[in-house]
Amino acid sequence: MKQFLVPNWLIIVGAIGQMFTAIIYPYIRHVVFDWYNDIKKLKPLNQEIAKTYGRYIQGLNFSFGLISILFTNDMQNKSSLAVALTGLIAAYWTGKVITQFSYYPMYQIPKKTIFKIGEVLMNTLFITFSVVFILLFIVNLYGYLNKS
């Protein structure tokens, strides 16, 4: 069977997209969702917990992108670490997509055209990340299991 590789350019596009989501995340929280005003309604400890989780999300998105850019070839070298890392990233983005469509009521997004376009583009990015890393995971897992 011919060896299949995910094109490096696709991994890099996904990486840049993940880093973009980390950079744009504070703007979306502040401008689109008015998140900080909602957070002020929580008790101080819960405010800090919510902010911390927000930073974790931002940090993971950026880190996954940075790792993918710096180690593009290693992301599909069929090692146990490649299987684990691409599996983790695939699960992360697949979970995000499922959560996005199952639990987040999108009716609260402002009705301006720019925000509607942004919603479609961000969801497209999330789905793309999920598909790219599921594919990488499958390629790595298949290669890892079939090493001679």
N, C-alpha and C. Protein backbone atom coordinates (compact mmCIF):
# COMPACT_ATOMS: atom_id res chain seq x y z
N MET A 1 0.84 -1.19 0.00
CA MET A 1 0.00 0.00 0.00
C MET A 1 0.88 1.24 0.00
N LYS A 2 0.52 2.21 -0.84
CA LYS A 2 1.30 3.43 -0.93
C LYS A 2 1.17 4.26 0.35
N GLN A 3 2.29 4.82 0.76
CA GLN A 3 2.32 5.63 1.98
C GLN A 3 1.65 6.97 1.72
N PHE A 4 0.70 7.35 2.57
CA PHE A 4 -0.01 8.61 2.44
C PHE A 4 0.56 9.61 3.44
N LEU A 5 0.83 10.81 2.97
CA LEU A 5 1.28 11.89 3.84
C LEU A 5 0.35 13.09 3.67
N VAL A 6 0.07 13.73 4.75
CA VAL A 6 -0.70 14.98 4.71
C VAL A 6 0.26 16.05 4.21
N PRO A 7 -0.14 16.84 3.22
CA PRO A 7 0.77 17.87 2.72
C PRO A 7 1.19 18.85 3.82
N ASN A 8 2.49 19.17 3.85
CA ASN A 8 2.99 20.09 4.87
C ASN A 8 2.27 21.44 4.83
N TRP A 9 1.92 21.90 3.63
CA TRP A 9 1.24 23.20 3.53
C TRP A 9 -0.10 23.17 4.27
N LEU A 10 -0.78 22.01 4.27
CA LEU A 10 -2.06 21.90 4.97
C LEU A 10 -1.86 21.96 6.48
N ILE A 11 -0.81 21.32 6.96
CA ILE A 11 -0.48 21.37 8.38
C ILE A 11 -0.14 22.81 8.77
N ILE A 12 0.63 23.50 7.95
CA ILE A 12 1.03 24.88 8.25
C ILE A 12 -0.17 25.82 8.21
N VAL A 13 -1.05 25.62 7.24
CA VAL A 13 -2.27 26.44 7.20
C VAL A 13 -3.08 26.22 8.48
N GLY A 14 -3.22 24.96 8.89
CA GLY A 14 -3.91 24.66 10.14
C GLY A 14 -3.22 25.28 11.34
N ALA A 15 -1.91 25.26 11.34
CA ALA A 15 -1.13 25.84 12.44
C ALA A 15 -1.34 27.34 12.53
N ILE A 16 -1.25 28.01 11.39
CA ILE A 16 -1.45 29.46 11.37
C ILE A 16 -2.88 29.79 11.82
N GLY A 17 -3.84 28.99 11.38
CA GLY A 17 -5.22 29.20 11.80
C GLY A 17 -5.40 29.05 13.30
N GLN A 18 -4.74 28.06 13.89
CA GLN A 18 -4.84 27.88 15.34
C GLN A 18 -4.24 29.07 16.08
N MET A 19 -3.11 29.55 15.58
CA MET A 19 -2.49 30.72 16.21
C MET A 19 -3.38 31.96 16.04
N PHE A 20 -4.01 32.07 14.87
CA PHE A 20 -4.93 33.18 14.63
C PHE A 20 -6.08 33.16 15.63
N THR A 21 -6.64 31.96 15.89
CA THR A 21 -7.75 31.89 16.85
C THR A 21 -7.32 32.35 18.24
N ALA A 22 -6.07 32.05 18.59
CA ALA A 22 -5.56 32.49 19.90
C ALA A 22 -5.42 34.01 19.94
N ILE A 23 -4.99 34.59 18.85
CA ILE A 23 -4.78 36.04 18.81
C ILE A 23 -6.12 36.79 18.77
N ILE A 24 -7.10 36.25 18.05
CA ILE A 24 -8.39 36.92 17.89
C ILE A 24 -9.33 36.67 19.09
N TYR A 25 -9.02 35.65 19.87
CA TYR A 25 -9.86 35.24 20.99
C TYR A 25 -10.22 36.38 21.95
N PRO A 26 -9.27 37.20 22.39
CA PRO A 26 -9.64 38.29 23.30
C PRO A 26 -10.62 39.29 22.66
N TYR A 27 -10.45 39.57 21.38
CA TYR A 27 -11.36 40.48 20.68
C TYR A 27 -12.78 39.91 20.66
N ILE A 28 -12.89 38.64 20.36
CA ILE A 28 -14.20 38.00 20.30
C ILE A 28 -14.87 38.03 21.67
N ARG A 29 -14.10 37.70 22.70
CA ARG A 29 -14.66 37.73 24.07
C ARG A 29 -15.14 39.12 24.42
N HIS A 30 -14.32 40.12 24.13
CA HIS A 30 -14.62 41.49 24.56
C HIS A 30 -15.69 42.15 23.69
N VAL A 31 -15.50 42.14 22.39
CA VAL A 31 -16.37 42.91 21.51
C VAL A 31 -17.63 42.17 21.13
N VAL A 32 -17.51 40.90 20.76
CA VAL A 32 -18.67 40.17 20.27
C VAL A 32 -19.56 39.71 21.42
N PHE A 33 -18.96 39.15 22.46
CA PHE A 33 -19.75 38.55 23.53
C PHE A 33 -19.87 39.41 24.80
N ASP A 34 -19.18 40.54 24.85
CA ASP A 34 -19.21 41.40 26.04
C ASP A 34 -18.92 40.57 27.30
N TRP A 35 -17.98 39.67 27.15
CA TRP A 35 -17.67 38.65 28.15
C TRP A 35 -17.25 39.24 29.49
N TYR A 36 -16.44 40.29 29.45
CA TYR A 36 -15.91 40.84 30.70
C TYR A 36 -17.00 41.45 31.58
N ASN A 37 -18.01 42.04 30.97
CA ASN A 37 -19.12 42.55 31.77
C ASN A 37 -19.92 41.42 32.40
N ASP A 38 -20.08 40.32 31.67
CA ASP A 38 -20.77 39.16 32.24
C ASP A 38 -19.96 38.54 33.37
N ILE A 39 -18.65 38.49 33.20
CA ILE A 39 -17.77 37.91 34.21
C ILE A 39 -17.85 38.69 35.52
N LYS A 40 -18.03 39.99 35.42
CA LYS A 40 -18.10 40.83 36.63
C LYS A 40 -19.27 40.45 37.53
N LYS A 41 -20.26 39.75 37.02
CA LYS A 41 -21.42 39.34 37.81
C LYS A 41 -21.12 38.13 38.69
N LEU A 42 -19.99 37.48 38.44
CA LEU A 42 -19.60 36.30 39.22
C LEU A 42 -18.88 36.71 40.50
N LYS A 43 -18.80 35.78 41.43
CA LYS A 43 -18.00 35.99 42.63
C LYS A 43 -16.54 36.12 42.20
N PRO A 44 -15.70 36.82 42.97
CA PRO A 44 -14.30 37.05 42.58
C PRO A 44 -13.54 35.77 42.21
N LEU A 45 -13.68 34.72 43.00
CA LEU A 45 -12.96 33.48 42.69
C LEU A 45 -13.43 32.91 41.35
N ASN A 46 -14.74 32.90 41.13
CA ASN A 46 -15.28 32.38 39.87
C ASN A 46 -14.87 33.25 38.69
N GLN A 47 -14.71 34.56 38.91
CA GLN A 47 -14.19 35.44 37.86
C GLN A 47 -12.80 34.99 37.43
N GLU A 48 -11.96 34.75 38.42
CA GLU A 48 -10.58 34.34 38.12
C GLU A 48 -10.52 32.97 37.47
N ILE A 49 -11.38 32.06 37.90
CA ILE A 49 -11.42 30.73 37.28
C ILE A 49 -11.82 30.85 35.81
N ALA A 50 -12.84 31.64 35.53
CA ALA A 50 -13.30 31.82 34.14
C ALA A 50 -12.20 32.46 33.29
N LYS A 51 -11.53 33.47 33.83
CA LYS A 51 -10.43 34.11 33.10
C LYS A 51 -9.28 33.13 32.85
N THR A 52 -9.00 32.30 33.87
CA THR A 52 -7.93 31.31 33.73
C THR A 52 -8.26 30.31 32.63
N TYR A 53 -9.49 29.82 32.61
CA TYR A 53 -9.89 28.88 31.55
C TYR A 53 -9.79 29.55 30.18
N GLY A 54 -10.16 30.80 30.10
CA GLY A 54 -10.02 31.54 28.84
C GLY A 54 -8.57 31.59 28.38
N ARG A 55 -7.67 31.83 29.33
CA ARG A 55 -6.24 31.87 28.99
C ARG A 55 -5.72 30.49 28.59
N TYR A 56 -6.23 29.44 29.25
CA TYR A 56 -5.84 28.08 28.88
C TYR A 56 -6.22 27.80 27.43
N ILE A 57 -7.45 28.16 27.06
CA ILE A 57 -7.91 27.94 25.69
C ILE A 57 -7.01 28.70 24.71
N GLN A 58 -6.77 29.94 25.03
CA GLN A 58 -5.92 30.77 24.17
C GLN A 58 -4.51 30.18 24.07
N GLY A 59 -3.96 29.75 25.18
CA GLY A 59 -2.62 29.17 25.20
C GLY A 59 -2.54 27.85 24.44
N LEU A 60 -3.54 27.01 24.61
CA LEU A 60 -3.55 25.74 23.88
C LEU A 60 -3.64 25.97 22.37
N ASN A 61 -4.54 26.85 21.96
CA ASN A 61 -4.68 27.12 20.53
C ASN A 61 -3.36 27.60 19.94
N PHE A 62 -2.72 28.55 20.63
CA PHE A 62 -1.45 29.08 20.12
C PHE A 62 -0.36 28.01 20.15
N SER A 63 -0.30 27.26 21.23
CA SER A 63 0.74 26.22 21.37
C SER A 63 0.58 25.12 20.33
N PHE A 64 -0.64 24.67 20.10
CA PHE A 64 -0.85 23.64 19.07
C PHE A 64 -0.40 24.16 17.71
N GLY A 65 -0.70 25.42 17.42
CA GLY A 65 -0.26 26.00 16.15
C GLY A 65 1.25 26.11 16.07
N LEU A 66 1.88 26.60 17.12
CA LEU A 66 3.33 26.77 17.14
C LEU A 66 4.04 25.43 17.00
N ILE A 67 3.58 24.43 17.72
CA ILE A 67 4.17 23.09 17.63
C ILE A 67 4.04 22.57 16.20
N SER A 68 2.88 22.79 15.60
CA SER A 68 2.65 22.30 14.23
C SER A 68 3.55 22.99 13.21
N ILE A 69 3.83 24.26 13.41
CA ILE A 69 4.73 24.98 12.50
C ILE A 69 6.18 24.55 12.71
N LEU A 70 6.60 24.48 13.97
CA LEU A 70 8.00 24.16 14.26
C LEU A 70 8.35 22.71 13.97
N PHE A 71 7.38 21.83 14.08
CA PHE A 71 7.64 20.39 13.93
C PHE A 71 6.71 19.75 12.89
N THR A 72 6.55 20.43 11.77
CA THR A 72 5.62 19.98 10.74
C THR A 72 5.90 18.53 10.32
N ASN A 73 7.13 18.21 10.02
CA ASN A 73 7.46 16.84 9.59
C ASN A 73 7.26 15.82 10.71
N ASP A 74 7.57 16.23 11.93
CA ASP A 74 7.41 15.32 13.06
C ASP A 74 5.94 15.04 13.38
N MET A 75 5.06 15.93 12.93
CA MET A 75 3.63 15.75 13.19
C MET A 75 3.08 14.53 12.45
N GLN A 76 3.85 13.98 11.52
CA GLN A 76 3.37 12.79 10.81
C GLN A 76 4.48 11.76 10.59
N ASN A 77 5.36 11.66 11.59
CA ASN A 77 6.46 10.68 11.44
C ASN A 77 6.11 9.29 11.99
N LYS A 78 4.86 9.10 12.37
CA LYS A 78 4.33 7.80 12.78
C LYS A 78 4.94 7.26 14.08
N SER A 79 5.54 8.14 14.86
CA SER A 79 6.07 7.75 16.16
C SER A 79 4.92 7.71 17.18
N SER A 80 5.20 7.10 18.31
CA SER A 80 4.18 7.07 19.36
C SER A 80 3.82 8.49 19.81
N LEU A 81 4.81 9.37 19.85
CA LEU A 81 4.54 10.76 20.24
C LEU A 81 3.68 11.47 19.19
N ALA A 82 3.93 11.22 17.92
CA ALA A 82 3.11 11.82 16.86
C ALA A 82 1.67 11.32 16.96
N VAL A 83 1.50 10.04 17.25
CA VAL A 83 0.15 9.48 17.43
C VAL A 83 -0.54 10.19 18.60
N ALA A 84 0.17 10.30 19.72
CA ALA A 84 -0.41 10.90 20.92
C ALA A 84 -0.75 12.38 20.70
N LEU A 85 0.18 13.13 20.13
CA LEU A 85 -0.03 14.57 19.97
C LEU A 85 -1.12 14.88 18.95
N THR A 86 -1.07 14.21 17.80
CA THR A 86 -2.11 14.48 16.80
C THR A 86 -3.47 13.97 17.29
N GLY A 87 -3.49 12.90 18.06
CA GLY A 87 -4.73 12.42 18.66
C GLY A 87 -5.30 13.42 19.65
N LEU A 88 -4.42 13.99 20.46
CA LEU A 88 -4.84 15.01 21.43
C LEU A 88 -5.42 16.24 20.71
N ILE A 89 -4.71 16.73 19.71
CA ILE A 89 -5.17 17.92 19.00
C ILE A 89 -6.47 17.62 18.25
N ALA A 90 -6.56 16.45 17.65
CA ALA A 90 -7.80 16.05 16.96
C ALA A 90 -8.97 15.99 17.93
N ALA A 91 -8.75 15.40 19.10
CA ALA A 91 -9.82 15.31 20.11
C ALA A 91 -10.22 16.71 20.60
N TYR A 92 -9.23 17.57 20.80
CA TYR A 92 -9.48 18.94 21.27
C TYR A 92 -10.39 19.68 20.29
N TRP A 93 -10.02 19.67 18.99
CA TRP A 93 -10.80 20.43 18.01
C TRP A 93 -12.13 19.74 17.69
N THR A 94 -12.16 18.43 17.71
CA THR A 94 -13.43 17.74 17.49
C THR A 94 -14.39 18.04 18.64
N GLY A 95 -13.86 18.04 19.85
CA GLY A 95 -14.67 18.43 21.01
C GLY A 95 -15.18 19.85 20.89
N LYS A 96 -14.33 20.74 20.40
CA LYS A 96 -14.73 22.14 20.20
C LYS A 96 -15.87 22.24 19.19
N VAL A 97 -15.75 21.50 18.09
CA VAL A 97 -16.80 21.54 17.06
C VAL A 97 -18.11 20.99 17.63
N ILE A 98 -18.05 19.87 18.32
CA ILE A 98 -19.26 19.28 18.90
C ILE A 98 -19.89 20.25 19.90
N THR A 99 -19.07 20.82 20.75
CA THR A 99 -19.56 21.79 21.74
C THR A 99 -20.16 23.01 21.05
N GLN A 100 -19.47 23.50 20.04
CA GLN A 100 -19.91 24.70 19.31
C GLN A 100 -21.33 24.53 18.79
N PHE A 101 -21.61 23.38 18.19
CA PHE A 101 -22.91 23.18 17.56
C PHE A 101 -23.96 22.59 18.50
N SER A 102 -23.53 21.98 19.60
CA SER A 102 -24.47 21.36 20.52
C SER A 102 -24.90 22.25 21.67
N TYR A 103 -23.97 23.04 22.18
CA TYR A 103 -24.24 23.75 23.43
C TYR A 103 -24.24 25.27 23.34
N TYR A 104 -23.63 25.84 22.34
CA TYR A 104 -23.53 27.30 22.28
C TYR A 104 -24.65 27.86 21.43
N PRO A 105 -25.63 28.46 22.06
CA PRO A 105 -26.70 29.06 21.25
C PRO A 105 -26.17 30.30 20.52
N MET A 106 -26.17 30.23 19.21
CA MET A 106 -25.56 31.30 18.42
C MET A 106 -26.48 32.51 18.24
N TYR A 107 -27.68 32.47 18.77
CA TYR A 107 -28.59 33.60 18.61
C TYR A 107 -28.14 34.83 19.37
N GLN A 108 -27.16 34.70 20.25
CA GLN A 108 -26.71 35.85 21.03
C GLN A 108 -25.60 36.64 20.34
N ILE A 109 -25.16 36.17 19.21
CA ILE A 109 -24.15 36.92 18.46
C ILE A 109 -24.83 38.14 17.86
N PRO A 110 -24.19 39.29 17.93
CA PRO A 110 -24.80 40.48 17.31
C PRO A 110 -25.14 40.23 15.84
N LYS A 111 -26.20 40.85 15.38
CA LYS A 111 -26.73 40.58 14.04
C LYS A 111 -26.01 41.32 12.92
N LYS A 112 -24.94 42.02 13.23
CA LYS A 112 -24.18 42.72 12.19
C LYS A 112 -23.58 41.71 11.21
N THR A 113 -23.51 42.11 9.96
CA THR A 113 -22.99 41.23 8.91
C THR A 113 -21.58 40.74 9.22
N ILE A 114 -20.73 41.61 9.73
CA ILE A 114 -19.34 41.23 10.01
C ILE A 114 -19.28 40.08 11.02
N PHE A 115 -20.18 40.08 12.00
CA PHE A 115 -20.18 39.02 13.00
C PHE A 115 -20.75 37.73 12.44
N LYS A 116 -21.73 37.84 11.54
CA LYS A 116 -22.27 36.64 10.89
C LYS A 116 -21.20 35.99 10.01
N ILE A 117 -20.46 36.81 9.27
CA ILE A 117 -19.36 36.29 8.45
C ILE A 117 -18.29 35.67 9.34
N GLY A 118 -17.96 36.36 10.43
CA GLY A 118 -16.97 35.84 11.38
C GLY A 118 -17.38 34.50 11.97
N GLU A 119 -18.66 34.34 12.27
CA GLU A 119 -19.16 33.08 12.82
C GLU A 119 -18.93 31.94 11.82
N VAL A 120 -19.27 32.18 10.56
CA VAL A 120 -19.09 31.15 9.53
C VAL A 120 -17.60 30.83 9.36
N LEU A 121 -16.77 31.87 9.30
CA LEU A 121 -15.33 31.65 9.11
C LEU A 121 -14.70 30.92 10.29
N MET A 122 -15.07 31.31 11.51
CA MET A 122 -14.49 30.64 12.68
C MET A 122 -14.95 29.18 12.74
N ASN A 123 -16.22 28.92 12.47
CA ASN A 123 -16.69 27.53 12.48
C ASN A 123 -15.99 26.72 11.39
N THR A 124 -15.75 27.35 10.24
CA THR A 124 -15.02 26.68 9.17
C THR A 124 -13.60 26.34 9.62
N LEU A 125 -12.95 27.28 10.32
CA LEU A 125 -11.62 27.00 10.85
C LEU A 125 -11.65 25.83 11.83
N PHE A 126 -12.59 25.84 12.76
CA PHE A 126 -12.65 24.77 13.76
C PHE A 126 -12.84 23.41 13.10
N ILE A 127 -13.72 23.35 12.12
CA ILE A 127 -13.96 22.09 11.41
C ILE A 127 -12.71 21.67 10.64
N THR A 128 -12.04 22.64 10.03
CA THR A 128 -10.80 22.35 9.30
C THR A 128 -9.74 21.78 10.23
N PHE A 129 -9.55 22.40 11.39
CA PHE A 129 -8.57 21.90 12.35
C PHE A 129 -8.90 20.45 12.74
N SER A 130 -10.16 20.21 13.01
CA SER A 130 -10.59 18.87 13.40
C SER A 130 -10.27 17.86 12.30
N VAL A 131 -10.63 18.18 11.07
CA VAL A 131 -10.41 17.25 9.96
C VAL A 131 -8.93 17.01 9.72
N VAL A 132 -8.13 18.09 9.69
CA VAL A 132 -6.69 17.95 9.44
C VAL A 132 -6.04 17.07 10.51
N PHE A 133 -6.38 17.30 11.78
CA PHE A 133 -5.70 16.54 12.82
C PHE A 133 -6.27 15.13 12.99
N ILE A 134 -7.52 14.92 12.63
CA ILE A 134 -8.04 13.54 12.59
C ILE A 134 -7.28 12.78 11.51
N LEU A 135 -7.10 13.40 10.35
CA LEU A 135 -6.36 12.78 9.26
C LEU A 135 -4.92 12.48 9.69
N LEU A 136 -4.27 13.45 10.31
CA LEU A 136 -2.90 13.22 10.79
C LEU A 136 -2.87 12.08 11.80
N PHE A 137 -3.82 12.05 12.70
CA PHE A 137 -3.88 10.99 13.71
C PHE A 137 -4.03 9.63 13.04
N ILE A 138 -4.93 9.52 12.07
CA ILE A 138 -5.14 8.25 11.38
C ILE A 138 -3.87 7.81 10.64
N VAL A 139 -3.24 8.75 9.93
CA VAL A 139 -1.99 8.43 9.22
C VAL A 139 -0.92 7.95 10.21
N ASN A 140 -0.77 8.66 11.31
CA ASN A 140 0.22 8.28 12.30
C ASN A 140 -0.10 6.94 12.95
N LEU A 141 -1.35 6.75 13.32
CA LEU A 141 -1.74 5.51 13.99
C LEU A 141 -1.56 4.32 13.06
N TYR A 142 -1.99 4.46 11.82
CA TYR A 142 -1.82 3.38 10.83
C TYR A 142 -0.34 3.06 10.64
N GLY A 143 0.47 4.10 10.47
CA GLY A 143 1.91 3.88 10.29
C GLY A 143 2.57 3.28 11.52
N TYR A 144 2.16 3.74 12.69
CA TYR A 144 2.73 3.23 13.94
C TYR A 144 2.38 1.75 14.14
N LEU A 145 1.14 1.39 13.86
CA LEU A 145 0.70 0.01 14.05
C LEU A 145 1.28 -0.94 13.01
N ASN A 146 1.67 -0.41 11.87
CA ASN A 146 2.18 -1.25 10.79
C ASN A 146 3.71 -1.18 10.62
N LYS A 147 4.41 -0.65 11.60
CA LYS A 147 5.87 -0.63 11.54
C LYS A 147 6.40 -2.06 11.61
N SER A 148 7.40 -2.31 10.84
CA SER A 148 7.97 -3.67 10.84
C SER A 148 9.19 -3.75 11.70
